[in-house]
Amino acid sequence: MTWNLMHLARMIRDAGGIPAHGNQRSKWDAGCRFDHPNPEYR
């Protein structure tokens, strides 16, 4: 399992990281919804 996690981390790093698309609080506050409902709306 450790090797798998290290391998996945290396692949993500080599790909430039995880994109922040849809995970930026400032964008949610500005009204952007990225075709998904707001996860903090309850």
Protein backbone atom coordinates (compact mmCIF):
# COMPACT_ATOMS: atom_id res chain seq x y z
CA MET A 1 0.00 0.00 0.00
CA THR A 2 2.81 2.42 0.80
CA TRP A 3 4.37 1.90 -2.63
CA ASN A 4 0.99 2.55 -4.28
CA LEU A 5 0.52 5.81 -2.37
CA MET A 6 4.04 6.97 -3.18
CA HIS A 7 3.56 6.06 -6.85
CA LEU A 8 0.25 7.96 -6.99
CA ALA A 9 1.83 10.99 -5.31
CA ARG A 10 4.64 10.94 -7.88
CA MET A 11 2.17 10.74 -10.77
CA ILE A 12 0.16 13.67 -9.39
CA ARG A 13 3.33 15.71 -8.87
CA ASP A 14 4.57 14.95 -12.38
CA ALA A 15 1.19 15.99 -13.79
CA GLY A 16 1.42 19.38 -12.08
CA GLY A 17 -0.72 18.65 -9.05
CA ILE A 18 -4.45 18.45 -8.53
CA PRO A 19 -6.30 21.21 -10.38
CA ALA A 20 -8.20 23.63 -8.17
CA HIS A 21 -11.12 23.86 -10.62
CA GLY A 22 -14.28 24.02 -8.52
CA ASN A 23 -12.40 24.05 -5.20
CA GLN A 24 -11.67 27.75 -4.90
CA ARG A 25 -13.67 29.40 -2.13
CA SER A 26 -13.33 32.85 -3.71
CA LYS A 27 -14.97 31.54 -6.92
CA TRP A 28 -17.91 30.08 -4.95
CA ASP A 29 -18.34 33.37 -3.10
CA ALA A 30 -18.30 35.23 -6.44
CA GLY A 31 -21.22 33.09 -7.66
CA CYS A 32 -19.44 30.59 -9.93
CA ARG A 33 -21.00 27.14 -9.65
CA PHE A 34 -19.00 24.96 -12.09
CA ASP A 35 -22.15 22.98 -13.02
CA HIS A 36 -22.45 21.52 -9.51
CA PRO A 37 -24.56 22.55 -6.52
CA ASN A 38 -22.81 24.37 -3.70
CA PRO A 39 -21.61 21.66 -1.26
CA GLU A 40 -21.92 24.05 1.68
CA TYR A 41 -25.58 24.78 1.03
CA ARG A 42 -27.68 22.80 3.48
